[in-house]
Amino acid sequence: MAITILRLPSVLAKRGRSRSAHYLDIQDGLFTSPISIGYRAVGWPEHEVDAINSARIAGKSETEIRALVSSLEKFRKTSK
């Protein structure tokens, strides 16, 4: 399975959030942290962005979204 990495402008467009709101969500545990894709370059796996957006659309609570974010980040560490 090919994993697509999205850069910040694409993530913001998919989420409909501002840059500052996006980074506040990361700080609050409501979005996954970025991964390094090079010197001074970060991105997010597209499937994580889609999973979090789907959870929001489904009306999941912030507690449920934090649990999702935690599981997505844990999966990153085990899938290497």
PDB file of N, CA and C in Angstrom:
ATOM      1  N   MET A   1       0.849  -1.185   0.000  1.00  0.00           N
ATOM      2  CA  MET A   1       0.000   0.000   0.000  1.00  0.00           C
ATOM      3  C   MET A   1       0.894   1.248   0.000  1.00  0.00           C
ATOM      4  N   ALA A   2       0.677   2.110  -0.945  1.00  0.00           N
ATOM      5  CA  ALA A   2       1.424   3.363  -1.018  1.00  0.00           C
ATOM      6  C   ALA A   2       0.801   4.378  -0.054  1.00  0.00           C
ATOM      7  N   ILE A   3       1.651   5.032   0.692  1.00  0.00           N
ATOM      8  CA  ILE A   3       1.177   6.049   1.629  1.00  0.00           C
ATOM      9  C   ILE A   3       1.468   7.410   1.027  1.00  0.00           C
ATOM     10  N   THR A   4       0.443   8.231   0.939  1.00  0.00           N
ATOM     11  CA  THR A   4       0.597   9.586   0.432  1.00  0.00           C
ATOM     12  C   THR A   4       0.823  10.522   1.610  1.00  0.00           C
ATOM     13  N   ILE A   5       1.854  11.345   1.502  1.00  0.00           N
ATOM     14  CA  ILE A   5       2.166  12.336   2.532  1.00  0.00           C
ATOM     15  C   ILE A   5       1.709  13.695   2.032  1.00  0.00           C
ATOM     16  N   LEU A   6       0.900  14.352   2.841  1.00  0.00           N
ATOM     17  CA  LEU A   6       0.394  15.682   2.484  1.00  0.00           C
ATOM     18  C   LEU A   6       1.185  16.755   3.206  1.00  0.00           C
ATOM     19  N   ARG A   7       1.512  17.803   2.491  1.00  0.00           N
ATOM     20  CA  ARG A   7       2.159  18.966   3.091  1.00  0.00           C
ATOM     21  C   ARG A   7       1.096  19.854   3.715  1.00  0.00           C
ATOM     22  N   LEU A   8       1.519  20.809   4.521  1.00  0.00           N
ATOM     23  CA  LEU A   8       0.610  21.644   5.303  1.00  0.00           C
ATOM     24  C   LEU A   8      -0.503  22.306   4.486  1.00  0.00           C
ATOM     25  N   PRO A   9      -0.228  22.949   3.344  1.00  0.00           N
ATOM     26  CA  PRO A   9      -1.330  23.589   2.612  1.00  0.00           C
ATOM     27  C   PRO A   9      -2.442  22.601   2.226  1.00  0.00           C
ATOM     28  N   SER A  10      -2.069  21.383   1.850  1.00  0.00           N
ATOM     29  CA  SER A  10      -3.075  20.379   1.495  1.00  0.00           C
ATOM     30  C   SER A  10      -3.866  19.930   2.717  1.00  0.00           C
ATOM     31  N   VAL A  11      -3.184  19.768   3.845  1.00  0.00           N
ATOM     32  CA  VAL A  11      -3.861  19.368   5.076  1.00  0.00           C
ATOM     33  C   VAL A  11      -4.864  20.448   5.495  1.00  0.00           C
ATOM     34  N   LEU A  12      -4.426  21.688   5.456  1.00  0.00           N
ATOM     35  CA  LEU A  12      -5.315  22.788   5.843  1.00  0.00           C
ATOM     36  C   LEU A  12      -6.526  22.870   4.925  1.00  0.00           C
ATOM     37  N   ALA A  13      -6.320  22.644   3.637  1.00  0.00           N
ATOM     38  CA  ALA A  13      -7.427  22.676   2.681  1.00  0.00           C
ATOM     39  C   ALA A  13      -8.415  21.550   2.964  1.00  0.00           C
ATOM     40  N   LYS A  14      -7.917  20.362   3.278  1.00  0.00           N
ATOM     41  CA  LYS A  14      -8.794  19.229   3.583  1.00  0.00           C
ATOM     42  C   LYS A  14      -9.544  19.440   4.892  1.00  0.00           C
ATOM     43  N   ARG A  15      -8.917  20.100   5.840  1.00  0.00           N
ATOM     44  CA  ARG A  15      -9.521  20.298   7.154  1.00  0.00           C
ATOM     45  C   ARG A  15     -10.399  21.535   7.231  1.00  0.00           C
ATOM     46  N   GLY A  16     -10.120  22.533   6.417  1.00  0.00           N
ATOM     47  CA  GLY A  16     -10.870  23.780   6.512  1.00  0.00           C
ATOM     48  C   GLY A  16     -10.496  24.581   7.754  1.00  0.00           C
ATOM     49  N   ARG A  17      -9.252  24.423   8.208  1.00  0.00           N
ATOM     50  CA  ARG A  17      -8.781  25.108   9.411  1.00  0.00           C
ATOM     51  C   ARG A  17      -7.629  26.039   9.047  1.00  0.00           C
ATOM     52  N   SER A  18      -7.420  27.035   9.894  1.00  0.00           N
ATOM     53  CA  SER A  18      -6.271  27.920   9.707  1.00  0.00           C
ATOM     54  C   SER A  18      -5.022  27.222  10.229  1.00  0.00           C
ATOM     55  N   ARG A  19      -3.888  27.756   9.862  1.00  0.00           N
ATOM     56  CA  ARG A  19      -2.605  27.206  10.309  1.00  0.00           C
ATOM     57  C   ARG A  19      -2.518  27.210  11.839  1.00  0.00           C
ATOM     58  N   SER A  20      -2.873  28.339  12.448  1.00  0.00           N
ATOM     59  CA  SER A  20      -2.772  28.432  13.910  1.00  0.00           C
ATOM     60  C   SER A  20      -3.750  27.469  14.593  1.00  0.00           C
ATOM     61  N   ALA A  21      -4.960  27.331  14.077  1.00  0.00           N
ATOM     62  CA  ALA A  21      -5.935  26.391  14.656  1.00  0.00           C
ATOM     63  C   ALA A  21      -5.446  24.955  14.490  1.00  0.00           C
ATOM     64  N   HIS A  22      -4.826  24.662  13.372  1.00  0.00           N
ATOM     65  CA  HIS A  22      -4.297  23.321  13.126  1.00  0.00           C
ATOM     66  C   HIS A  22      -3.232  22.968  14.162  1.00  0.00           C
ATOM     67  N   TYR A  23      -2.295  23.870  14.390  1.00  0.00           N
ATOM     68  CA  TYR A  23      -1.231  23.590  15.356  1.00  0.00           C
ATOM     69  C   TYR A  23      -1.756  23.580  16.792  1.00  0.00           C
ATOM     70  N   LEU A  24      -2.802  24.337  17.083  1.00  0.00           N
ATOM     71  CA  LEU A  24      -3.441  24.253  18.399  1.00  0.00           C
ATOM     72  C   LEU A  24      -4.092  22.883  18.581  1.00  0.00           C
ATOM     73  N   ASP A  25      -4.706  22.362  17.526  1.00  0.00           N
ATOM     74  CA  ASP A  25      -5.292  21.024  17.594  1.00  0.00           C
ATOM     75  C   ASP A  25      -4.217  19.976  17.884  1.00  0.00           C
ATOM     76  N   ILE A  26      -3.051  20.112  17.268  1.00  0.00           N
ATOM     77  CA  ILE A  26      -1.951  19.178  17.532  1.00  0.00           C
ATOM     78  C   ILE A  26      -1.545  19.276  18.996  1.00  0.00           C
ATOM     79  N   GLN A  27      -1.405  20.490  19.479  1.00  0.00           N
ATOM     80  CA  GLN A  27      -1.010  20.716  20.867  1.00  0.00           C
ATOM     81  C   GLN A  27      -2.037  20.140  21.839  1.00  0.00           C
ATOM     82  N   ASP A  28      -3.321  20.196  21.475  1.00  0.00           N
ATOM     83  CA  ASP A  28      -4.398  19.698  22.329  1.00  0.00           C
ATOM     84  C   ASP A  28      -4.672  18.206  22.154  1.00  0.00           C
ATOM     85  N   GLY A  29      -3.907  17.547  21.277  1.00  0.00           N
ATOM     86  CA  GLY A  29      -4.094  16.119  21.058  1.00  0.00           C
ATOM     87  C   GLY A  29      -5.241  15.772  20.141  1.00  0.00           C
ATOM     88  N   LEU A  30      -5.720  16.767  19.383  1.00  0.00           N
ATOM     89  CA  LEU A  30      -6.857  16.564  18.491  1.00  0.00           C
ATOM     90  C   LEU A  30      -6.439  16.326  17.042  1.00  0.00           C
ATOM     91  N   PHE A  31      -5.137  16.269  16.800  1.00  0.00           N
ATOM     92  CA  PHE A  31      -4.621  15.971  15.468  1.00  0.00           C
ATOM     93  C   PHE A  31      -3.231  15.378  15.628  1.00  0.00           C
ATOM     94  N   THR A  32      -2.856  14.528  14.706  1.00  0.00           N
ATOM     95  CA  THR A  32      -1.552  13.879  14.790  1.00  0.00           C
ATOM     96  C   THR A  32      -0.424  14.882  14.560  1.00  0.00           C
ATOM     97  N   SER A  33       0.717  14.575  15.147  1.00  0.00           N
ATOM     98  CA  SER A  33       1.884  15.419  14.940  1.00  0.00           C
ATOM     99  C   SER A  33       2.462  15.147  13.550  1.00  0.00           C
ATOM    100  N   PRO A  34       3.186  16.111  13.009  1.00  0.00           N
ATOM    101  CA  PRO A  34       3.760  15.914  11.671  1.00  0.00           C
ATOM    102  C   PRO A  34       4.923  14.934  11.703  1.00  0.00           C
ATOM    103  N   ILE A  35       5.229  14.384  10.542  1.00  0.00           N
ATOM    104  CA  ILE A  35       6.405  13.543  10.399  1.00  0.00           C
ATOM    105  C   ILE A  35       7.419  14.293   9.538  1.00  0.00           C
ATOM    106  N   SER A  36       8.675  14.072   9.819  1.00  0.00           N
ATOM    107  CA  SER A  36       9.731  14.714   9.049  1.00  0.00           C
ATOM    108  C   SER A  36       9.868  14.000   7.710  1.00  0.00           C
ATOM    109  N   ILE A  37       9.882  14.788   6.636  1.00  0.00           N
ATOM    110  CA  ILE A  37      10.063  14.213   5.301  1.00  0.00           C
ATOM    111  C   ILE A  37      11.318  14.764   4.629  1.00  0.00           C
ATOM    112  N   GLY A  38      12.075  15.518   5.375  1.00  0.00           N
ATOM    113  CA  GLY A  38      13.310  16.078   4.845  1.00  0.00           C
ATOM    114  C   GLY A  38      13.761  17.232   5.707  1.00  0.00           C
ATOM    115  N   TYR A  39      14.853  17.820   5.307  1.00  0.00           N
ATOM    116  CA  TYR A  39      15.380  18.959   6.036  1.00  0.00           C
ATOM    117  C   TYR A  39      14.374  20.105   5.987  1.00  0.00           C
ATOM    118  N   ARG A  40      13.879  20.512   7.144  1.00  0.00           N
ATOM    119  CA  ARG A  40      12.900  21.603   7.263  1.00  0.00           C
ATOM    120  C   ARG A  40      11.599  21.329   6.517  1.00  0.00           C
ATOM    121  N   ALA A  41      11.229  20.069   6.363  1.00  0.00           N
ATOM    122  CA  ALA A  41       9.989  19.720   5.671  1.00  0.00           C
ATOM    123  C   ALA A  41       9.244  18.660   6.476  1.00  0.00           C
ATOM    124  N   VAL A  42       7.958  18.895   6.687  1.00  0.00           N
ATOM    125  CA  VAL A  42       7.118  17.934   7.397  1.00  0.00           C
ATOM    126  C   VAL A  42       5.851  17.680   6.597  1.00  0.00           C
ATOM    127  N   GLY A  43       5.167  16.618   6.962  1.00  0.00           N
ATOM    128  CA  GLY A  43       3.910  16.285   6.313  1.00  0.00           C
ATOM    129  C   GLY A  43       3.103  15.346   7.186  1.00  0.00           C
ATOM    130  N   TRP A  44       1.916  14.998   6.720  1.00  0.00           N
ATOM    131  CA  TRP A  44       1.018  14.105   7.429  1.00  0.00           C
ATOM    132  C   TRP A  44       0.543  13.022   6.476  1.00  0.00           C
ATOM    133  N   PRO A  45       0.495  11.777   6.930  1.00  0.00           N
ATOM    134  CA  PRO A  45      -0.065  10.717   6.088  1.00  0.00           C
ATOM    135  C   PRO A  45      -1.535  11.023   5.774  1.00  0.00           C
ATOM    136  N   GLU A  46      -1.888  10.913   4.509  1.00  0.00           N
ATOM    137  CA  GLU A  46      -3.240  11.266   4.079  1.00  0.00           C
ATOM    138  C   GLU A  46      -4.299  10.440   4.794  1.00  0.00           C
ATOM    139  N   HIS A  47      -4.017   9.159   5.052  1.00  0.00           N
ATOM    140  CA  HIS A  47      -5.029   8.324   5.711  1.00  0.00           C
ATOM    141  C   HIS A  47      -5.329   8.811   7.132  1.00  0.00           C
ATOM    142  N   GLU A  48      -4.347   9.435   7.810  1.00  0.00           N
ATOM    143  CA  GLU A  48      -4.595   9.982   9.144  1.00  0.00           C
ATOM    144  C   GLU A  48      -5.492  11.213   9.063  1.00  0.00           C
ATOM    145  N   VAL A  49      -5.218  12.073   8.097  1.00  0.00           N
ATOM    146  CA  VAL A  49      -6.046  13.268   7.901  1.00  0.00           C
ATOM    147  C   VAL A  49      -7.485  12.846   7.612  1.00  0.00           C
ATOM    148  N   ASP A  50      -7.649  11.856   6.733  1.00  0.00           N
ATOM    149  CA  ASP A  50      -8.986  11.380   6.372  1.00  0.00           C
ATOM    150  C   ASP A  50      -9.698  10.742   7.565  1.00  0.00           C
ATOM    151  N   ALA A  51      -8.970   9.969   8.378  1.00  0.00           N
ATOM    152  CA  ALA A  51      -9.576   9.316   9.541  1.00  0.00           C
ATOM    153  C   ALA A  51     -10.072  10.342  10.559  1.00  0.00           C
ATOM    154  N   ILE A  52      -9.282  11.371  10.800  1.00  0.00           N
ATOM    155  CA  ILE A  52      -9.677  12.391  11.768  1.00  0.00           C
ATOM    156  C   ILE A  52     -10.852  13.207  11.227  1.00  0.00           C
ATOM    157  N   ASN A  53     -10.816  13.541   9.941  1.00  0.00           N
ATOM    158  CA  ASN A  53     -11.942  14.265   9.340  1.00  0.00           C
ATOM    159  C   ASN A  53     -13.217  13.424   9.424  1.00  0.00           C
ATOM    160  N   SER A  54     -13.122  12.132   9.161  1.00  0.00           N
ATOM    161  CA  SER A  54     -14.290  11.240   9.224  1.00  0.00           C
ATOM    162  C   SER A  54     -14.854  11.186  10.642  1.00  0.00           C
ATOM    163  N   ALA A  55     -13.969  11.165  11.632  1.00  0.00           N
ATOM    164  CA  ALA A  55     -14.418  11.147  13.025  1.00  0.00           C
ATOM    165  C   ALA A  55     -15.163  12.430  13.369  1.00  0.00           C
ATOM    166  N   ARG A  56     -14.664  13.560  12.892  1.00  0.00           N
ATOM    167  CA  ARG A  56     -15.351  14.841  13.138  1.00  0.00           C
ATOM    168  C   ARG A  56     -16.722  14.860  12.466  1.00  0.00           C
ATOM    169  N   ILE A  57     -16.768  14.388  11.227  1.00  0.00           N
ATOM    170  CA  ILE A  57     -18.038  14.355  10.484  1.00  0.00           C
ATOM    171  C   ILE A  57     -19.043  13.449  11.197  1.00  0.00           C
ATOM    172  N   ALA A  58     -18.546  12.352  11.772  1.00  0.00           N
ATOM    173  CA  ALA A  58     -19.414  11.407  12.485  1.00  0.00           C
ATOM    174  C   ALA A  58     -19.866  11.941  13.840  1.00  0.00           C
ATOM    175  N   GLY A  59     -19.354  13.097  14.227  1.00  0.00           N
ATOM    176  CA  GLY A  59     -19.782  13.712  15.483  1.00  0.00           C
ATOM    177  C   GLY A  59     -19.109  13.151  16.714  1.00  0.00           C
ATOM    178  N   LYS A  60     -17.924  12.570  16.554  1.00  0.00           N
ATOM    179  CA  LYS A  60     -17.189  12.024  17.695  1.00  0.00           C
ATOM    180  C   LYS A  60     -16.809  13.143  18.654  1.00  0.00           C
ATOM    181  N   SER A  61     -16.747  12.814  19.927  1.00  0.00           N
ATOM    182  CA  SER A  61     -16.366  13.791  20.952  1.00  0.00           C
ATOM    183  C   SER A  61     -14.857  14.031  20.894  1.00  0.00           C
ATOM    184  N   GLU A  62     -14.421  15.088  21.565  1.00  0.00           N
ATOM    185  CA  GLU A  62     -12.989  15.376  21.610  1.00  0.00           C
ATOM    186  C   GLU A  62     -12.225  14.241  22.286  1.00  0.00           C
ATOM    187  N   THR A  63     -12.823  13.605  23.272  1.00  0.00           N
ATOM    188  CA  THR A  63     -12.191  12.472  23.947  1.00  0.00           C
ATOM    189  C   THR A  63     -11.997  11.321  22.968  1.00  0.00           C
ATOM    190  N   GLU A  64     -12.996  11.048  22.155  1.00  0.00           N
ATOM    191  CA  GLU A  64     -12.897   9.977  21.163  1.00  0.00           C
ATOM    192  C   GLU A  64     -11.866  10.314  20.087  1.00  0.00           C
ATOM    193  N   ILE A  65     -11.806  11.581  19.694  1.00  0.00           N
ATOM    194  CA  ILE A  65     -10.825  11.996  18.686  1.00  0.00           C
ATOM    195  C   ILE A  65      -9.411  11.901  19.255  1.00  0.00           C
ATOM    196  N   ARG A  66      -9.234  12.273  20.528  1.00  0.00           N
ATOM    197  CA  ARG A  66      -7.912  12.126  21.158  1.00  0.00           C
ATOM    198  C   ARG A  66      -7.488  10.660  21.173  1.00  0.00           C
ATOM    199  N   ALA A  67      -8.424   9.766  21.455  1.00  0.00           N
ATOM    200  CA  ALA A  67      -8.115   8.331  21.452  1.00  0.00           C
ATOM    201  C   ALA A  67      -7.724   7.869  20.052  1.00  0.00           C
ATOM    202  N   LEU A  68      -8.427   8.377  19.032  1.00  0.00           N
ATOM    203  CA  LEU A  68      -8.101   8.051  17.645  1.00  0.00           C
ATOM    204  C   LEU A  68      -6.705   8.539  17.299  1.00  0.00           C
ATOM    205  N   VAL A  69      -6.403   9.780  17.648  1.00  0.00           N
ATOM    206  CA  VAL A  69      -5.085  10.364  17.374  1.00  0.00           C
ATOM    207  C   VAL A  69      -3.999   9.533  18.051  1.00  0.00           C
ATOM    208  N   SER A  70      -4.240   9.145  19.283  1.00  0.00           N
ATOM    209  CA  SER A  70      -3.283   8.324  20.013  1.00  0.00           C
ATOM    210  C   SER A  70      -3.054   6.986  19.308  1.00  0.00           C
ATOM    211  N   SER A  71      -4.123   6.362  18.849  1.00  0.00           N
ATOM    212  CA  SER A  71      -3.972   5.067  18.166  1.00  0.00           C
ATOM    213  C   SER A  71      -3.268   5.224  16.819  1.00  0.00           C
ATOM    214  N   LEU A  72      -3.527   6.316  16.113  1.00  0.00           N
ATOM    215  CA  LEU A  72      -2.854   6.554  14.838  1.00  0.00           C
ATOM    216  C   LEU A  72      -1.354   6.751  15.046  1.00  0.00           C
ATOM    217  N   GLU A  73      -1.000   7.504  16.068  1.00  0.00           N
ATOM    218  CA  GLU A  73       0.422   7.741  16.336  1.00  0.00           C
ATOM    219  C   GLU A  73       1.099   6.473  16.851  1.00  0.00           C
ATOM    220  N   LYS A  74       0.391   5.657  17.620  1.00  0.00           N
ATOM    221  CA  LYS A  74       0.948   4.389  18.083  1.00  0.00           C
ATOM    222  C   LYS A  74       1.176   3.457  16.897  1.00  0.00           C
ATOM    223  N   PHE A  75       0.244   3.466  15.937  1.00  0.00           N
ATOM    224  CA  PHE A  75       0.379   2.625  14.747  1.00  0.00           C
ATOM    225  C   PHE A  75       1.617   3.006  13.943  1.00  0.00           C
ATOM    226  N   ARG A  76       1.925   4.302  13.896  1.00  0.00           N
ATOM    227  CA  ARG A  76       3.136   4.756  13.193  1.00  0.00           C
ATOM    228  C   ARG A  76       4.378   4.054  13.725  1.00  0.00           C
ATOM    229  N   LYS A  77       4.447   3.935  15.044  1.00  0.00           N
ATOM    230  CA  LYS A  77       5.629   3.359  15.684  1.00  0.00           C
ATOM    231  C   LYS A  77       5.719   1.854  15.472  1.00  0.00           C
ATOM    232  N   THR A  78       4.585   1.181  15.350  1.00  0.00           N
ATOM    233  CA  THR A  78       4.600  -0.267  15.207  1.00  0.00           C
ATOM    234  C   THR A  78       4.672  -0.717  13.753  1.00  0.00           C
ATOM    235  N   SER A  79       4.417   0.173  12.807  1.00  0.00           N
ATOM    236  CA  SER A  79       4.384  -0.217  11.404  1.00  0.00           C
ATOM    237  C   SER A  79       5.720  -0.039  10.690  1.00  0.00           C
ATOM    238  N   LYS A  80       6.758   0.320  11.423  1.00  0.00           N
ATOM    239  CA  LYS A  80       8.062   0.549  10.795  1.00  0.00           C
ATOM    240  C   LYS A  80       8.721  -0.720  10.425  1.00  0.00           C
TER     241      LYS A  80
END
